[in-house]
Amino acid sequence: SCKVFFAKDPLKIVRAQGQYMFDENGEKYLDCINNVAHVGHCHPHVTKAATEQMELLNTNSRFLHDNLVQYAQRLTATLPEKLSVCYFVNSGSEANDLALRLARQYRGHQDVITLD
């Protein structure tokens, strides 16, 4: 049910670097939608860290690993004491879903107001 963004003339993106994506003809596009606003595509520090991690272990957070605990401890150390629990999820959609479920459980209400 997901519509293509460019139904009449779809883009065929073949590579990306920094904040730009490039189509099959070499045309450059500023990427404003692919969750790369913080570090960009192919950032050398990020790709190096990802490569090192994948050489060691390539899995998700369903299994226990010391790095998950260490990251949660480092993260919560920067937050107020009341914010002491971390939930690791796969995407922004999963984070939103979890936040909504937690709020509904805590408040005991099912109603939601959204602003567009």
Protein backbone atom coordinates (compact mmCIF):
# COMPACT_ATOMS: atom_id res chain seq x y z
CA SER A 1 0.00 0.00 0.00
CA CYS A 2 3.04 2.29 -0.05
CA LYS A 3 3.05 4.61 -3.04
CA VAL A 4 6.25 5.33 -4.94
CA PHE A 5 7.49 8.88 -4.36
CA PHE A 6 8.10 9.51 -8.06
CA ALA A 7 5.45 7.47 -9.84
CA LYS A 8 5.81 9.14 -13.27
CA ASP A 9 9.59 9.42 -13.39
CA PRO A 10 11.16 7.33 -10.61
CA LEU A 11 14.74 7.99 -9.55
CA LYS A 12 17.20 5.16 -9.85
CA ILE A 13 19.76 5.96 -7.16
CA VAL A 14 23.02 4.04 -7.58
CA ARG A 15 25.35 5.58 -4.97
CA ALA A 16 25.64 8.19 -2.24
CA GLN A 17 28.33 10.23 -0.53
CA GLY A 18 27.93 12.66 2.35
CA GLN A 19 24.58 14.39 2.07
CA TYR A 20 24.13 13.61 -1.63
CA MET A 21 22.69 10.74 -3.63
CA PHE A 22 23.47 10.13 -7.30
CA ASP A 23 21.27 8.62 -9.97
CA GLU A 24 22.28 6.35 -12.85
CA ASN A 25 23.06 9.42 -14.99
CA GLY A 26 25.35 11.01 -12.38
CA GLU A 27 22.75 13.64 -11.37
CA LYS A 28 23.28 14.79 -7.77
CA TYR A 29 20.39 15.09 -5.28
CA LEU A 30 20.41 16.46 -1.74
CA ASP A 31 19.17 13.64 0.49
CA CYS A 32 16.57 14.98 2.92
CA ILE A 33 14.67 11.77 3.68
CA ASN A 34 17.00 8.82 4.30
CA ASN A 35 17.93 9.33 7.97
CA VAL A 36 21.46 10.50 7.15
CA ALA A 37 21.18 14.08 8.36
CA HIS A 38 23.59 13.51 11.24
CA VAL A 39 26.64 12.07 9.49
CA GLY A 40 25.74 11.58 5.84
CA HIS A 41 26.20 8.60 3.57
CA CYS A 42 29.48 6.68 3.64
CA HIS A 43 31.04 8.72 6.47
CA PRO A 44 34.54 7.24 6.92
CA HIS A 45 34.36 7.02 10.73
CA VAL A 46 30.93 5.38 10.62
CA THR A 47 31.84 2.87 7.89
CA LYS A 48 35.08 2.00 9.72
CA ALA A 49 33.24 1.41 13.01
CA ALA A 50 30.52 -0.60 11.25
CA THR A 51 33.09 -2.73 9.43
CA GLU A 52 35.00 -3.43 12.64
CA GLN A 53 31.78 -4.41 14.41
CA MET A 54 30.59 -6.65 11.57
CA GLU A 55 33.97 -8.40 11.54
CA LEU A 56 33.42 -9.21 15.22
CA LEU A 57 29.66 -9.78 15.44
CA ASN A 58 26.75 -8.94 13.15
CA THR A 59 23.47 -9.38 14.99
CA ASN A 60 20.70 -7.29 16.51
CA SER A 61 19.90 -6.47 20.13
CA ARG A 62 17.75 -9.56 20.83
CA PHE A 63 20.86 -11.22 22.29
CA LEU A 64 22.80 -10.06 25.32
CA HIS A 65 26.10 -8.32 24.67
CA ASP A 66 28.31 -6.20 26.92
CA ASN A 67 28.29 -3.31 24.43
CA LEU A 68 24.53 -2.88 24.84
CA VAL A 69 24.90 -2.55 28.60
CA GLN A 70 27.90 -0.22 28.32
CA TYR A 71 26.10 1.99 25.82
CA ALA A 72 22.99 2.17 28.01
CA GLN A 73 25.13 3.11 31.02
CA ARG A 74 27.00 5.82 29.08
CA LEU A 75 23.74 7.17 27.67
CA THR A 76 21.82 7.27 30.96
CA ALA A 77 24.81 8.91 32.68
CA THR A 78 24.09 11.99 30.52
CA LEU A 79 20.41 12.13 31.51
CA PRO A 80 18.49 13.11 34.65
CA GLU A 81 18.37 10.31 37.23
CA LYS A 82 14.68 9.56 36.57
CA LEU A 83 15.55 8.65 32.97
CA SER A 84 17.45 5.49 33.78
CA VAL A 85 15.95 2.86 31.44
CA CYS A 86 16.86 2.31 27.79
CA TYR A 87 14.86 0.50 25.16
CA PHE A 88 16.78 -0.35 22.01
CA VAL A 89 14.67 -0.64 18.87
CA ASN A 90 15.33 -1.03 15.18
CA SER A 91 13.77 2.12 13.76
CA GLY A 92 11.95 5.36 14.42
CA SER A 93 8.68 3.59 13.67
CA GLU A 94 9.38 0.98 16.32
CA ALA A 95 10.39 3.72 18.76
CA ASN A 96 7.13 5.57 18.16
CA ASP A 97 5.13 2.37 18.55
CA LEU A 98 6.88 1.52 21.82
CA ALA A 99 6.43 5.06 23.17
CA LEU A 100 2.71 4.92 22.40
CA ARG A 101 2.32 1.51 24.05
CA LEU A 102 4.24 2.66 27.14
CA ALA A 103 2.16 5.84 27.42
CA ARG A 104 -1.09 3.89 27.07
CA GLN A 105 0.02 1.39 29.73
CA TYR A 106 1.15 4.11 32.12
CA ARG A 107 -1.91 6.36 31.74
CA GLY A 108 -4.51 3.62 31.22
CA HIS A 109 -6.03 5.47 28.26
CA GLN A 110 -6.22 4.51 24.60
CA ASP A 111 -6.95 7.95 23.11
CA VAL A 112 -4.27 9.81 21.17
CA ILE A 113 -4.13 13.35 19.84
CA THR A 114 -1.82 14.05 16.92
CA LEU A 115 -0.88 17.35 15.35
CA ASP A 116 -0.16 17.69 11.65
